[in-house]
Each structure stands twice: as C-alpha cells, then as structure tokens.
Amino acid sequence: HVRNMVCLSQRSQAKSRIIFPLLILIAVELVQPTMSCKNENCSR
C-alpha cells in the first residue's frame, strides 16, 4: 500500500512538471496574443 502511494505521488509530481510550464506558456500568450516570435530562442 505504501509503495503504491509513493508511485502515485511520483507520477503526479512528474505530470505536474510537464503540465505546469505549459499552463504558464498559455497564460503568457493570453496576455500577449499577437507577440512577435522572431527573437525567441529557436530550440526552445
């Protein structure tokens, strides 16, 4: 039971690390929906 709880917690943390930056990205674009992208880091 404890091992399963630890695994679920780790998965939840990993999912949060993926989704949270994307939510920040969307929030920024809501503020600047027509921003120019030409000066952004290409790889990023």
PDB file of all heavy atoms in Angstrom:
ATOM      1  N   HIS A   1       0.829  -1.211   0.000  1.00  0.00           N
ATOM      2  CA  HIS A   1       0.000   0.000   0.000  1.00  0.00           C
ATOM      3  C   HIS A   1       0.860   1.257   0.000  1.00  0.00           C
ATOM      4  O   HIS A   1       0.628   2.190  -0.778  1.00  0.00           O
ATOM      5  CB  HIS A   1      -0.901  -0.009   1.234  1.00  0.00           C
ATOM      6  CG  HIS A   1      -1.751   1.223   1.360  1.00  0.00           C
ATOM      7  ND1 HIS A   1      -2.804   1.472   0.507  1.00  0.00           N
ATOM      8  CD2 HIS A   1      -1.672   2.288   2.204  1.00  0.00           C
ATOM      9  CE1 HIS A   1      -3.359   2.622   0.832  1.00  0.00           C
ATOM     10  NE2 HIS A   1      -2.687   3.136   1.859  1.00  0.00           N
ATOM     11  N   VAL A   2       1.884   1.272   0.862  1.00  0.00           N
ATOM     12  CA  VAL A   2       2.768   2.437   0.927  1.00  0.00           C
ATOM     13  C   VAL A   2       3.519   2.611  -0.375  1.00  0.00           C
ATOM     14  O   VAL A   2       3.673   3.723  -0.889  1.00  0.00           O
ATOM     15  CB  VAL A   2       3.749   2.300   2.110  1.00  0.00           C
ATOM     16  CG1 VAL A   2       4.767   3.436   2.084  1.00  0.00           C
ATOM     17  CG2 VAL A   2       2.991   2.289   3.432  1.00  0.00           C
ATOM     18  N   ARG A   3       4.003   1.489  -0.941  1.00  0.00           N
ATOM     19  CA  ARG A   3       4.750   1.568  -2.198  1.00  0.00           C
ATOM     20  C   ARG A   3       3.882   2.130  -3.316  1.00  0.00           C
ATOM     21  O   ARG A   3       4.322   2.958  -4.119  1.00  0.00           O
ATOM     22  CB  ARG A   3       5.271   0.177  -2.576  1.00  0.00           C
ATOM     23  CG  ARG A   3       6.188   0.193  -3.806  1.00  0.00           C
ATOM     24  CD  ARG A   3       6.988  -1.100  -3.955  1.00  0.00           C
ATOM     25  NE  ARG A   3       6.131  -2.267  -4.056  1.00  0.00           N
ATOM     26  CZ  ARG A   3       6.004  -3.204  -3.122  1.00  0.00           C
ATOM     27  NH1 ARG A   3       6.685  -3.099  -1.983  1.00  0.00           N
ATOM     28  NH2 ARG A   3       5.207  -4.235  -3.288  1.00  0.00           N
ATOM     29  N   ASN A   4       2.629   1.692  -3.367  1.00  0.00           N
ATOM     30  CA  ASN A   4       1.714   2.204  -4.402  1.00  0.00           C
ATOM     31  C   ASN A   4       1.453   3.695  -4.216  1.00  0.00           C
ATOM     32  O   ASN A   4       1.354   4.447  -5.192  1.00  0.00           O
ATOM     33  CB  ASN A   4       0.389   1.446  -4.359  1.00  0.00           C
ATOM     34  CG  ASN A   4       0.523   0.032  -4.885  1.00  0.00           C
ATOM     35  OD1 ASN A   4       1.468  -0.255  -5.626  1.00  0.00           O
ATOM     36  ND2 ASN A   4      -0.401  -0.844  -4.513  1.00  0.00           N
ATOM     37  N   MET A   5       1.306   4.132  -2.973  1.00  0.00           N
ATOM     38  CA  MET A   5       1.082   5.557  -2.704  1.00  0.00           C
ATOM     39  C   MET A   5       2.273   6.390  -3.145  1.00  0.00           C
ATOM     40  O   MET A   5       2.122   7.477  -3.708  1.00  0.00           O
ATOM     41  CB  MET A   5       0.822   5.769  -1.210  1.00  0.00           C
ATOM     42  CG  MET A   5      -0.509   5.201  -0.730  1.00  0.00           C
ATOM     43  SD  MET A   5      -1.937   6.037  -1.476  1.00  0.00           S
ATOM     44  CE  MET A   5      -1.805   7.633  -0.698  1.00  0.00           C
ATOM     45  N   VAL A   6       3.495   5.862  -2.909  1.00  0.00           N
ATOM     46  CA  VAL A   6       4.706   6.575  -3.326  1.00  0.00           C
ATOM     47  C   VAL A   6       4.755   6.689  -4.836  1.00  0.00           C
ATOM     48  O   VAL A   6       5.069   7.741  -5.403  1.00  0.00           O
ATOM     49  CB  VAL A   6       5.963   5.870  -2.788  1.00  0.00           C
ATOM     50  CG1 VAL A   6       7.220   6.467  -3.412  1.00  0.00           C
ATOM     51  CG2 VAL A   6       6.018   5.979  -1.269  1.00  0.00           C
ATOM     52  N   CYS A   7       4.423   5.598  -5.539  1.00  0.00           N
ATOM     53  CA  CYS A   7       4.447   5.608  -7.004  1.00  0.00           C
ATOM     54  C   CYS A   7       3.440   6.607  -7.565  1.00  0.00           C
ATOM     55  O   CYS A   7       3.730   7.344  -8.514  1.00  0.00           O
ATOM     56  CB  CYS A   7       4.145   4.209  -7.551  1.00  0.00           C
ATOM     57  SG  CYS A   7       5.464   3.018  -7.268  1.00  0.00           S
ATOM     58  N   LEU A   8       2.225   6.620  -6.963  1.00  0.00           N
ATOM     59  CA  LEU A   8       1.210   7.568  -7.429  1.00  0.00           C
ATOM     60  C   LEU A   8       1.663   8.999  -7.209  1.00  0.00           C
ATOM     61  O   LEU A   8       1.445   9.879  -8.049  1.00  0.00           O
ATOM     62  CB  LEU A   8      -0.109   7.314  -6.691  1.00  0.00           C
ATOM     63  CG  LEU A   8      -0.885   6.063  -7.100  1.00  0.00           C
ATOM     64  CD1 LEU A   8      -2.060   5.826  -6.154  1.00  0.00           C
ATOM     65  CD2 LEU A   8      -1.380   6.185  -8.533  1.00  0.00           C
ATOM     66  N   SER A   9       2.306   9.250  -6.076  1.00  0.00           N
ATOM     67  CA  SER A   9       2.799  10.591  -5.783  1.00  0.00           C
ATOM     68  C   SER A   9       3.864  11.014  -6.787  1.00  0.00           C
ATOM     69  O   SER A   9       3.878  12.149  -7.261  1.00  0.00           O
ATOM     70  CB  SER A   9       3.362  10.639  -4.364  1.00  0.00           C
ATOM     71  OG  SER A   9       3.913  11.898  -4.089  1.00  0.00           O
ATOM     72  N   GLN A  10       4.772  10.084  -7.116  1.00  0.00           N
ATOM     73  CA  GLN A  10       5.835  10.400  -8.074  1.00  0.00           C
ATOM     74  C   GLN A  10       5.256  10.683  -9.457  1.00  0.00           C
ATOM     75  O   GLN A  10       5.702  11.595 -10.154  1.00  0.00           O
ATOM     76  CB  GLN A  10       6.827   9.240  -8.136  1.00  0.00           C
ATOM     77  CG  GLN A  10       7.672   9.106  -6.876  1.00  0.00           C
ATOM     78  CD  GLN A  10       8.541   7.859  -6.903  1.00  0.00           C
ATOM     79  OE1 GLN A  10       8.282   6.905  -7.659  1.00  0.00           O
ATOM     80  NE2 GLN A  10       9.575   7.861  -6.082  1.00  0.00           N
ATOM     81  N   ARG A  11       4.250   9.896  -9.856  1.00  0.00           N
ATOM     82  CA  ARG A  11       3.626  10.126 -11.160  1.00  0.00           C
ATOM     83  C   ARG A  11       2.930  11.469 -11.199  1.00  0.00           C
ATOM     84  O   ARG A  11       2.976  12.190 -12.196  1.00  0.00           O
ATOM     85  CB  ARG A  11       2.614   9.015 -11.456  1.00  0.00           C
ATOM     86  CG  ARG A  11       3.262   7.677 -11.791  1.00  0.00           C
ATOM     87  CD  ARG A  11       2.215   6.645 -12.102  1.00  0.00           C
ATOM     88  NE  ARG A  11       2.786   5.314 -12.153  1.00  0.00           N
ATOM     89  CZ  ARG A  11       2.176   4.222 -11.722  1.00  0.00           C
ATOM     90  NH1 ARG A  11       0.975   4.309 -11.199  1.00  0.00           N
ATOM     91  NH2 ARG A  11       2.756   3.047 -11.828  1.00  0.00           N
ATOM     92  N   SER A  12       2.238  11.798 -10.108  1.00  0.00           N
ATOM     93  CA  SER A  12       1.543  13.080 -10.032  1.00  0.00           C
ATOM     94  C   SER A  12       2.520  14.244 -10.120  1.00  0.00           C
ATOM     95  O   SER A  12       2.265  15.232 -10.817  1.00  0.00           O
ATOM     96  CB  SER A  12       0.756  13.158  -8.725  1.00  0.00           C
ATOM     97  OG  SER A  12       0.113  14.391  -8.598  1.00  0.00           O
ATOM     98  N   GLN A  13       3.670  14.123  -9.440  1.00  0.00           N
ATOM     99  CA  GLN A  13       4.670  15.186  -9.483  1.00  0.00           C
ATOM    100  C   GLN A  13       5.247  15.323 -10.882  1.00  0.00           C
ATOM    101  O   GLN A  13       5.476  16.431 -11.373  1.00  0.00           O
ATOM    102  CB  GLN A  13       5.775  14.895  -8.482  1.00  0.00           C
ATOM    103  CG  GLN A  13       5.335  15.030  -7.024  1.00  0.00           C
ATOM    104  CD  GLN A  13       6.411  14.580  -6.061  1.00  0.00           C
ATOM    105  OE1 GLN A  13       7.526  14.254  -6.465  1.00  0.00           O
ATOM    106  NE2 GLN A  13       6.072  14.559  -4.779  1.00  0.00           N
ATOM    107  N   ALA A  14       5.511  14.175 -11.543  1.00  0.00           N
ATOM    108  CA  ALA A  14       6.058  14.212 -12.897  1.00  0.00           C
ATOM    109  C   ALA A  14       5.082  14.861 -13.859  1.00  0.00           C
ATOM    110  O   ALA A  14       5.450  15.666 -14.716  1.00  0.00           O
ATOM    111  CB  ALA A  14       6.395  12.795 -13.364  1.00  0.00           C
ATOM    112  N   LYS A  15       3.781  14.526 -13.719  1.00  0.00           N
ATOM    113  CA  LYS A  15       2.753  15.118 -14.584  1.00  0.00           C
ATOM    114  C   LYS A  15       2.666  16.617 -14.363  1.00  0.00           C
ATOM    115  O   LYS A  15       2.516  17.395 -15.304  1.00  0.00           O
ATOM    116  CB  LYS A  15       1.412  14.443 -14.299  1.00  0.00           C
ATOM    117  CG  LYS A  15       0.307  14.860 -15.275  1.00  0.00           C
ATOM    118  CD  LYS A  15      -0.942  14.053 -15.005  1.00  0.00           C
ATOM    119  CE  LYS A  15      -2.038  14.435 -15.987  1.00  0.00           C
ATOM    120  NZ  LYS A  15      -3.283  13.670 -15.727  1.00  0.00           N
ATOM    121  N   SER A  16       2.775  17.041 -13.105  1.00  0.00           N
ATOM    122  CA  SER A  16       2.715  18.474 -12.789  1.00  0.00           C
ATOM    123  C   SER A  16       3.881  19.222 -13.415  1.00  0.00           C
ATOM    124  O   SER A  16       3.731  20.338 -13.896  1.00  0.00           O
ATOM    125  CB  SER A  16       2.716  18.673 -11.273  1.00  0.00           C
ATOM    126  OG  SER A  16       1.561  18.113 -10.699  1.00  0.00           O
ATOM    127  N   ARG A  17       5.073  18.585 -13.409  1.00  0.00           N
ATOM    128  CA  ARG A  17       6.250  19.230 -14.002  1.00  0.00           C
ATOM    129  C   ARG A  17       6.082  19.427 -15.496  1.00  0.00           C
ATOM    130  O   ARG A  17       6.650  20.348 -16.080  1.00  0.00           O
ATOM    131  CB  ARG A  17       7.508  18.402 -13.714  1.00  0.00           C
ATOM    132  CG  ARG A  17       7.995  18.495 -12.276  1.00  0.00           C
ATOM    133  CD  ARG A  17       9.420  17.988 -12.156  1.00  0.00           C
ATOM    134  NE  ARG A  17       9.527  16.577 -12.477  1.00  0.00           N
ATOM    135  CZ  ARG A  17       9.411  15.598 -11.573  1.00  0.00           C
ATOM    136  NH1 ARG A  17       9.177  15.885 -10.311  1.00  0.00           N
ATOM    137  NH2 ARG A  17       9.528  14.342 -11.938  1.00  0.00           N
ATOM    138  N   ILE A  18       5.292  18.554 -16.146  1.00  0.00           N
ATOM    139  CA  ILE A  18       5.070  18.673 -17.589  1.00  0.00           C
ATOM    140  C   ILE A  18       3.997  19.719 -17.889  1.00  0.00           C
ATOM    141  O   ILE A  18       4.160  20.564 -18.764  1.00  0.00           O
ATOM    142  CB  ILE A  18       4.653  17.302 -18.173  1.00  0.00           C
ATOM    143  CG1 ILE A  18       5.839  16.318 -18.068  1.00  0.00           C
ATOM    144  CG2 ILE A  18       4.219  17.439 -19.631  1.00  0.00           C
ATOM    145  CD1 ILE A  18       5.457  14.891 -18.422  1.00  0.00           C
ATOM    146  N   ILE A  19       2.878  19.649 -17.155  1.00  0.00           N
ATOM    147  CA  ILE A  19       1.719  20.479 -17.476  1.00  0.00           C
ATOM    148  C   ILE A  19       1.877  21.916 -16.996  1.00  0.00           C
ATOM    149  O   ILE A  19       1.495  22.856 -17.676  1.00  0.00           O
ATOM    150  CB  ILE A  19       0.436  19.850 -16.888  1.00  0.00           C
ATOM    151  CG1 ILE A  19       0.160  18.517 -17.594  1.00  0.00           C
ATOM    152  CG2 ILE A  19      -0.754  20.785 -17.031  1.00  0.00           C
ATOM    153  CD1 ILE A  19      -1.037  17.777 -17.048  1.00  0.00           C
ATOM    154  N   PHE A  20       2.497  22.116 -15.802  1.00  0.00           N
ATOM    155  CA  PHE A  20       2.574  23.464 -15.235  1.00  0.00           C
ATOM    156  C   PHE A  20       3.287  24.454 -16.160  1.00  0.00           C
ATOM    157  O   PHE A  20       2.784  25.565 -16.382  1.00  0.00           O
ATOM    158  CB  PHE A  20       3.244  23.411 -13.869  1.00  0.00           C
ATOM    159  CG  PHE A  20       3.226  24.733 -13.148  1.00  0.00           C
ATOM    160  CD1 PHE A  20       2.022  25.306 -12.746  1.00  0.00           C
ATOM    161  CD2 PHE A  20       4.403  25.413 -12.877  1.00  0.00           C
ATOM    162  CE1 PHE A  20       1.992  26.532 -12.093  1.00  0.00           C
ATOM    163  CE2 PHE A  20       4.389  26.628 -12.236  1.00  0.00           C
ATOM    164  CZ  PHE A  20       3.181  27.185 -11.834  1.00  0.00           C
ATOM    165  N   PRO A  21       4.470  24.101 -16.760  1.00  0.00           N
ATOM    166  CA  PRO A  21       5.106  25.058 -17.683  1.00  0.00           C
ATOM    167  C   PRO A  21       4.238  25.379 -18.886  1.00  0.00           C
ATOM    168  O   PRO A  21       4.266  26.501 -19.395  1.00  0.00           O
ATOM    169  CB  PRO A  21       6.393  24.322 -18.096  1.00  0.00           C
ATOM    170  CG  PRO A  21       6.659  23.348 -17.006  1.00  0.00           C
ATOM    171  CD  PRO A  21       5.298  22.913 -16.536  1.00  0.00           C
ATOM    172  N   LEU A  22       3.436  24.395 -19.346  1.00  0.00           N
ATOM    173  CA  LEU A  22       2.560  24.646 -20.490  1.00  0.00           C
ATOM    174  C   LEU A  22       1.443  25.607 -20.118  1.00  0.00           C
ATOM    175  O   LEU A  22       1.039  26.453 -20.917  1.00  0.00           O
ATOM    176  CB  LEU A  22       1.972  23.325 -20.986  1.00  0.00           C
ATOM    177  CG  LEU A  22       2.960  22.376 -21.677  1.00  0.00           C
ATOM    178  CD1 LEU A  22       2.277  21.054 -21.973  1.00  0.00           C
ATOM    179  CD2 LEU A  22       3.510  22.988 -22.948  1.00  0.00           C
ATOM    180  N   LEU A  23       0.941  25.494 -18.894  1.00  0.00           N
ATOM    181  CA  LEU A  23      -0.092  26.430 -18.439  1.00  0.00           C
ATOM    182  C   LEU A  23       0.464  27.844 -18.346  1.00  0.00           C
ATOM    183  O   LEU A  23      -0.220  28.816 -18.664  1.00  0.00           O
ATOM    184  CB  LEU A  23      -0.641  25.983 -17.083  1.00  0.00           C
ATOM    185  CG  LEU A  23      -1.419  24.662 -17.076  1.00  0.00           C
ATOM    186  CD1 LEU A  23      -1.842  24.299 -15.661  1.00  0.00           C
ATOM    187  CD2 LEU A  23      -2.628  24.744 -17.994  1.00  0.00           C
ATOM    188  N   ILE A  24       1.729  27.965 -17.906  1.00  0.00           N
ATOM    189  CA  ILE A  24       2.376  29.276 -17.860  1.00  0.00           C
ATOM    190  C   ILE A  24       2.508  29.841 -19.273  1.00  0.00           C
ATOM    191  O   ILE A  24       2.254  31.016 -19.525  1.00  0.00           O
ATOM    192  CB  ILE A  24       3.756  29.177 -17.188  1.00  0.00           C
ATOM    193  CG1 ILE A  24       3.593  28.839 -15.703  1.00  0.00           C
ATOM    194  CG2 ILE A  24       4.538  30.478 -17.357  1.00  0.00           C
ATOM    195  CD1 ILE A  24       4.899  28.622 -14.975  1.00  0.00           C
ATOM    196  N   LEU A  25       2.905  28.976 -20.223  1.00  0.00           N
ATOM    197  CA  LEU A  25       3.055  29.397 -21.620  1.00  0.00           C
ATOM    198  C   LEU A  25       1.742  29.920 -22.173  1.00  0.00           C
ATOM    199  O   LEU A  25       1.687  30.974 -22.806  1.00  0.00           O
ATOM    200  CB  LEU A  25       3.539  28.207 -22.459  1.00  0.00           C
ATOM    201  CG  LEU A  25       3.686  28.424 -23.967  1.00  0.00           C
ATOM    202  CD1 LEU A  25       4.746  29.480 -24.256  1.00  0.00           C
ATOM    203  CD2 LEU A  25       4.014  27.120 -24.658  1.00  0.00           C
ATOM    204  N   ILE A  26       0.640  29.202 -21.903  1.00  0.00           N
ATOM    205  CA  ILE A  26      -0.674  29.641 -22.372  1.00  0.00           C
ATOM    206  C   ILE A  26      -1.072  30.949 -21.716  1.00  0.00           C
ATOM    207  O   ILE A  26      -1.618  31.850 -22.356  1.00  0.00           O
ATOM    208  CB  ILE A  26      -1.723  28.547 -22.098  1.00  0.00           C
ATOM    209  CG1 ILE A  26      -1.473  27.339 -23.011  1.00  0.00           C
ATOM    210  CG2 ILE A  26      -3.140  29.078 -22.318  1.00  0.00           C
ATOM    211  CD1 ILE A  26      -2.369  26.157 -22.719  1.00  0.00           C
ATOM    212  N   ALA A  27      -0.791  31.096 -20.418  1.00  0.00           N
ATOM    213  CA  ALA A  27      -1.139  32.328 -19.706  1.00  0.00           C
ATOM    214  C   ALA A  27      -0.408  33.529 -20.293  1.00  0.00           C
ATOM    215  O   ALA A  27      -0.980  34.608 -20.455  1.00  0.00           O
ATOM    216  CB  ALA A  27      -0.800  32.186 -18.224  1.00  0.00           C
ATOM    217  N   VAL A  28       0.862  33.349 -20.643  1.00  0.00           N
ATOM    218  CA  VAL A  28       1.638  34.440 -21.249  1.00  0.00           C
ATOM    219  C   VAL A  28       1.030  34.845 -22.585  1.00  0.00           C
ATOM    220  O   VAL A  28       0.904  36.023 -22.905  1.00  0.00           O
ATOM    221  CB  VAL A  28       3.111  34.017 -21.435  1.00  0.00           C
ATOM    222  CG1 VAL A  28       3.855  35.041 -22.292  1.00  0.00           C
ATOM    223  CG2 VAL A  28       3.788  33.881 -20.077  1.00  0.00           C
ATOM    224  N   GLU A  29       0.608  33.869 -23.369  1.00  0.00           N
ATOM    225  CA  GLU A  29       0.051  34.168 -24.682  1.00  0.00           C
ATOM    226  C   GLU A  29      -1.333  34.801 -24.576  1.00  0.00           C
ATOM    227  O   GLU A  29      -1.765  35.518 -25.471  1.00  0.00           O
ATOM    228  CB  GLU A  29       0.024  32.894 -25.524  1.00  0.00           C
ATOM    229  CG  GLU A  29       1.432  32.487 -25.947  1.00  0.00           C
ATOM    230  CD  GLU A  29       1.450  31.185 -26.722  1.00  0.00           C
ATOM    231  OE1 GLU A  29       0.469  30.436 -26.670  1.00  0.00           O
ATOM    232  OE2 GLU A  29       2.459  30.919 -27.359  1.00  0.00           O
ATOM    233  N   LEU A  30      -2.046  34.520 -23.471  1.00  0.00           N
ATOM    234  CA  LEU A  30      -3.321  35.212 -23.263  1.00  0.00           C
ATOM    235  C   LEU A  30      -3.104  36.709 -23.071  1.00  0.00           C
ATOM    236  O   LEU A  30      -3.908  37.527 -23.497  1.00  0.00           O
ATOM    237  CB  LEU A  30      -4.022  34.638 -22.025  1.00  0.00           C
ATOM    238  CG  LEU A  30      -4.776  33.316 -22.223  1.00  0.00           C
ATOM    239  CD1 LEU A  30      -5.195  32.755 -20.878  1.00  0.00           C
ATOM    240  CD2 LEU A  30      -5.980  33.514 -23.115  1.00  0.00           C
ATOM    241  N   VAL A  31      -1.975  37.066 -22.450  1.00  0.00           N
ATOM    242  CA  VAL A  31      -1.650  38.466 -22.223  1.00  0.00           C
ATOM    243  C   VAL A  31      -1.089  39.098 -23.487  1.00  0.00           C
ATOM    244  O   VAL A  31      -1.367  40.249 -23.809  1.00  0.00           O
ATOM    245  CB  VAL A  31      -0.637  38.608 -21.067  1.00  0.00           C
ATOM    246  CG1 VAL A  31      -0.234  40.066 -20.883  1.00  0.00           C
ATOM    247  CG2 VAL A  31      -1.229  38.059 -19.780  1.00  0.00           C
ATOM    248  N   GLN A  32      -0.290  38.331 -24.241  1.00  0.00           N
ATOM    249  CA  GLN A  32       0.346  38.847 -25.452  1.00  0.00           C
ATOM    250  C   GLN A  32       0.003  37.953 -26.642  1.00  0.00           C
ATOM    251  O   GLN A  32       0.864  37.263 -27.180  1.00  0.00           O
ATOM    252  CB  GLN A  32       1.862  38.891 -25.265  1.00  0.00           C
ATOM    253  CG  GLN A  32       2.320  39.866 -24.196  1.00  0.00           C
ATOM    254  CD  GLN A  32       3.833  39.819 -24.043  1.00  0.00           C
ATOM    255  OE1 GLN A  32       4.426  38.820 -23.655  1.00  0.00           O
ATOM    256  NE2 GLN A  32       4.465  40.916 -24.383  1.00  0.00           N
ATOM    257  N   PRO A  33      -1.251  37.929 -27.093  1.00  0.00           N
ATOM    258  CA  PRO A  33      -1.665  37.005 -28.134  1.00  0.00           C
ATOM    259  C   PRO A  33      -1.075  37.299 -29.502  1.00  0.00           C
ATOM    260  O   PRO A  33      -1.098  36.458 -30.369  1.00  0.00           O
ATOM    261  CB  PRO A  33      -3.199  37.163 -28.145  1.00  0.00           C
ATOM    262  CG  PRO A  33      -3.432  38.540 -27.620  1.00  0.00           C
ATOM    263  CD  PRO A  33      -2.348  38.782 -26.614  1.00  0.00           C
ATOM    264  N   THR A  34      -0.550  38.493 -29.719  1.00  0.00           N
ATOM    265  CA  THR A  34      -0.001  38.833 -31.034  1.00  0.00           C
ATOM    266  C   THR A  34       1.502  39.111 -30.966  1.00  0.00           C
ATOM    267  O   THR A  34       2.046  39.790 -31.801  1.00  0.00           O
ATOM    268  CB  THR A  34      -0.715  40.076 -31.616  1.00  0.00           C
ATOM    269  OG1 THR A  34      -0.548  41.176 -30.688  1.00  0.00           O
ATOM    270  CG2 THR A  34      -2.191  39.800 -31.809  1.00  0.00           C
ATOM    271  N   MET A  35       2.154  38.585 -29.927  1.00  0.00           N
ATOM    272  CA  MET A  35       3.566  38.867 -29.750  1.00  0.00           C
ATOM    273  C   MET A  35       4.389  38.321 -30.911  1.00  0.00           C
ATOM    274  O   MET A  35       4.050  37.312 -31.526  1.00  0.00           O
ATOM    275  CB  MET A  35       4.064  38.260 -28.432  1.00  0.00           C
ATOM    276  CG  MET A  35       4.026  36.747 -28.401  1.00  0.00           C
ATOM    277  SD  MET A  35       4.602  36.130 -26.822  1.00  0.00           S
ATOM    278  CE  MET A  35       4.475  34.362 -27.106  1.00  0.00           C
ATOM    279  N   SER A  36       5.499  38.994 -31.216  1.00  0.00           N
ATOM    280  CA  SER A  36       6.420  38.518 -32.235  1.00  0.00           C
ATOM    281  C   SER A  36       7.274  37.409 -31.657  1.00  0.00           C
ATOM    282  O   SER A  36       7.675  37.444 -30.494  1.00  0.00           O
ATOM    283  CB  SER A  36       7.314  39.666 -32.713  1.00  0.00           C
ATOM    284  OG  SER A  36       8.320  39.165 -33.571  1.00  0.00           O
ATOM    285  N   CYS A  37       7.536  36.404 -32.475  1.00  0.00           N
ATOM    286  CA  CYS A  37       8.305  35.253 -32.007  1.00  0.00           C
ATOM    287  C   CYS A  37       9.713  35.250 -32.589  1.00  0.00           C
ATOM    288  O   CYS A  37      10.487  34.326 -32.316  1.00  0.00           O
ATOM    289  CB  CYS A  37       7.599  33.966 -32.409  1.00  0.00           C
ATOM    290  SG  CYS A  37       5.849  33.926 -31.996  1.00  0.00           S
ATOM    291  N   LYS A  38      10.067  36.240 -33.378  1.00  0.00           N
ATOM    292  CA  LYS A  38      11.326  36.197 -34.119  1.00  0.00           C
ATOM    293  C   LYS A  38      12.551  36.283 -33.221  1.00  0.00           C
ATOM    294  O   LYS A  38      13.634  35.881 -33.601  1.00  0.00           O
ATOM    295  CB  LYS A  38      11.352  37.321 -35.163  1.00  0.00           C
ATOM    296  CG  LYS A  38      10.312  37.136 -36.257  1.00  0.00           C
ATOM    297  CD  LYS A  38      10.378  38.250 -37.290  1.00  0.00           C
ATOM    298  CE  LYS A  38       9.312  38.049 -38.366  1.00  0.00           C
ATOM    299  NZ  LYS A  38       9.322  39.120 -39.380  1.00  0.00           N
ATOM    300  N   ASN A  39      12.396  36.824 -32.019  1.00  0.00           N
ATOM    301  CA  ASN A  39      13.542  36.967 -31.120  1.00  0.00           C
ATOM    302  C   ASN A  39      13.613  35.858 -30.077  1.00  0.00           C
ATOM    303  O   ASN A  39      14.478  35.877 -29.205  1.00  0.00           O
ATOM    304  CB  ASN A  39      13.480  38.331 -30.413  1.00  0.00           C
ATOM    305  CG  ASN A  39      13.650  39.481 -31.386  1.00  0.00           C
ATOM    306  OD1 ASN A  39      14.422  39.382 -32.340  1.00  0.00           O
ATOM    307  ND2 ASN A  39      12.929  40.565 -31.162  1.00  0.00           N
ATOM    308  N   GLU A  40      12.705  34.896 -30.149  1.00  0.00           N
ATOM    309  CA  GLU A  40      12.740  33.786 -29.207  1.00  0.00           C
ATOM    310  C   GLU A  40      13.876  32.828 -29.539  1.00  0.00           C
ATOM    311  O   GLU A  40      14.288  32.702 -30.685  1.00  0.00           O
ATOM    312  CB  GLU A  40      11.412  33.021 -29.228  1.00  0.00           C
ATOM    313  CG  GLU A  40      10.282  33.751 -28.543  1.00  0.00           C
ATOM    314  CD  GLU A  40       9.108  32.823 -28.284  1.00  0.00           C
ATOM    315  OE1 GLU A  40       9.337  31.634 -28.005  1.00  0.00           O
ATOM    316  OE2 GLU A  40       7.975  33.301 -28.360  1.00  0.00           O
ATOM    317  N   ASN A  41      14.349  32.123 -28.517  1.00  0.00           N
ATOM    318  CA  ASN A  41      15.331  31.066 -28.728  1.00  0.00           C
ATOM    319  C   ASN A  41      14.713  29.988 -29.604  1.00  0.00           C
ATOM    320  O   ASN A  41      13.643  29.456 -29.298  1.00  0.00           O
ATOM    321  CB  ASN A  41      15.761  30.488 -27.379  1.00  0.00           C
ATOM    322  CG  ASN A  41      16.720  29.331 -27.528  1.00  0.00           C
ATOM    323  OD1 ASN A  41      16.312  28.190 -27.721  1.00  0.00           O
ATOM    324  ND2 ASN A  41      18.001  29.636 -27.445  1.00  0.00           N
ATOM    325  N   CYS A  42      15.384  29.661 -30.700  1.00  0.00           N
ATOM    326  CA  CYS A  42      14.806  28.770 -31.704  1.00  0.00           C
ATOM    327  C   CYS A  42      14.521  27.378 -31.141  1.00  0.00           C
ATOM    328  O   CYS A  42      13.434  26.838 -31.322  1.00  0.00           O
ATOM    329  CB  CYS A  42      15.757  28.676 -32.893  1.00  0.00           C
ATOM    330  SG  CYS A  42      15.168  27.604 -34.209  1.00  0.00           S
ATOM    331  N   SER A  43      15.486  26.794 -30.465  1.00  0.00           N
ATOM    332  CA  SER A  43      15.309  25.435 -29.935  1.00  0.00           C
ATOM    333  C   SER A  43      14.191  25.393 -28.905  1.00  0.00           C
ATOM    334  O   SER A  43      13.379  24.460 -28.883  1.00  0.00           O
ATOM    335  CB  SER A  43      16.613  24.939 -29.312  1.00  0.00           C
ATOM    336  OG  SER A  43      17.624  24.832 -30.290  1.00  0.00           O
ATOM    337  N   ARG A  44      14.136  26.405 -28.049  1.00  0.00           N
ATOM    338  CA  ARG A  44      13.088  26.435 -27.030  1.00  0.00           C
ATOM    339  C   ARG A  44      11.719  26.628 -27.667  1.00  0.00           C
ATOM    340  O   ARG A  44      10.727  26.039 -27.216  1.00  0.00           O
ATOM    341  CB  ARG A  44      13.374  27.545 -26.027  1.00  0.00           C
ATOM    342  CG  ARG A  44      12.326  27.652 -24.915  1.00  0.00           C
ATOM    343  CD  ARG A  44      12.754  28.627 -23.853  1.00  0.00           C
ATOM    344  NE  ARG A  44      13.960  28.169 -23.164  1.00  0.00           N
ATOM    345  CZ  ARG A  44      14.564  28.857 -22.203  1.00  0.00           C
ATOM    346  NH1 ARG A  44      14.075  30.036 -21.826  1.00  0.00           N
ATOM    347  NH2 ARG A  44      15.631  28.372 -21.621  1.00  0.00           N
TER     348      ARG A  44
END
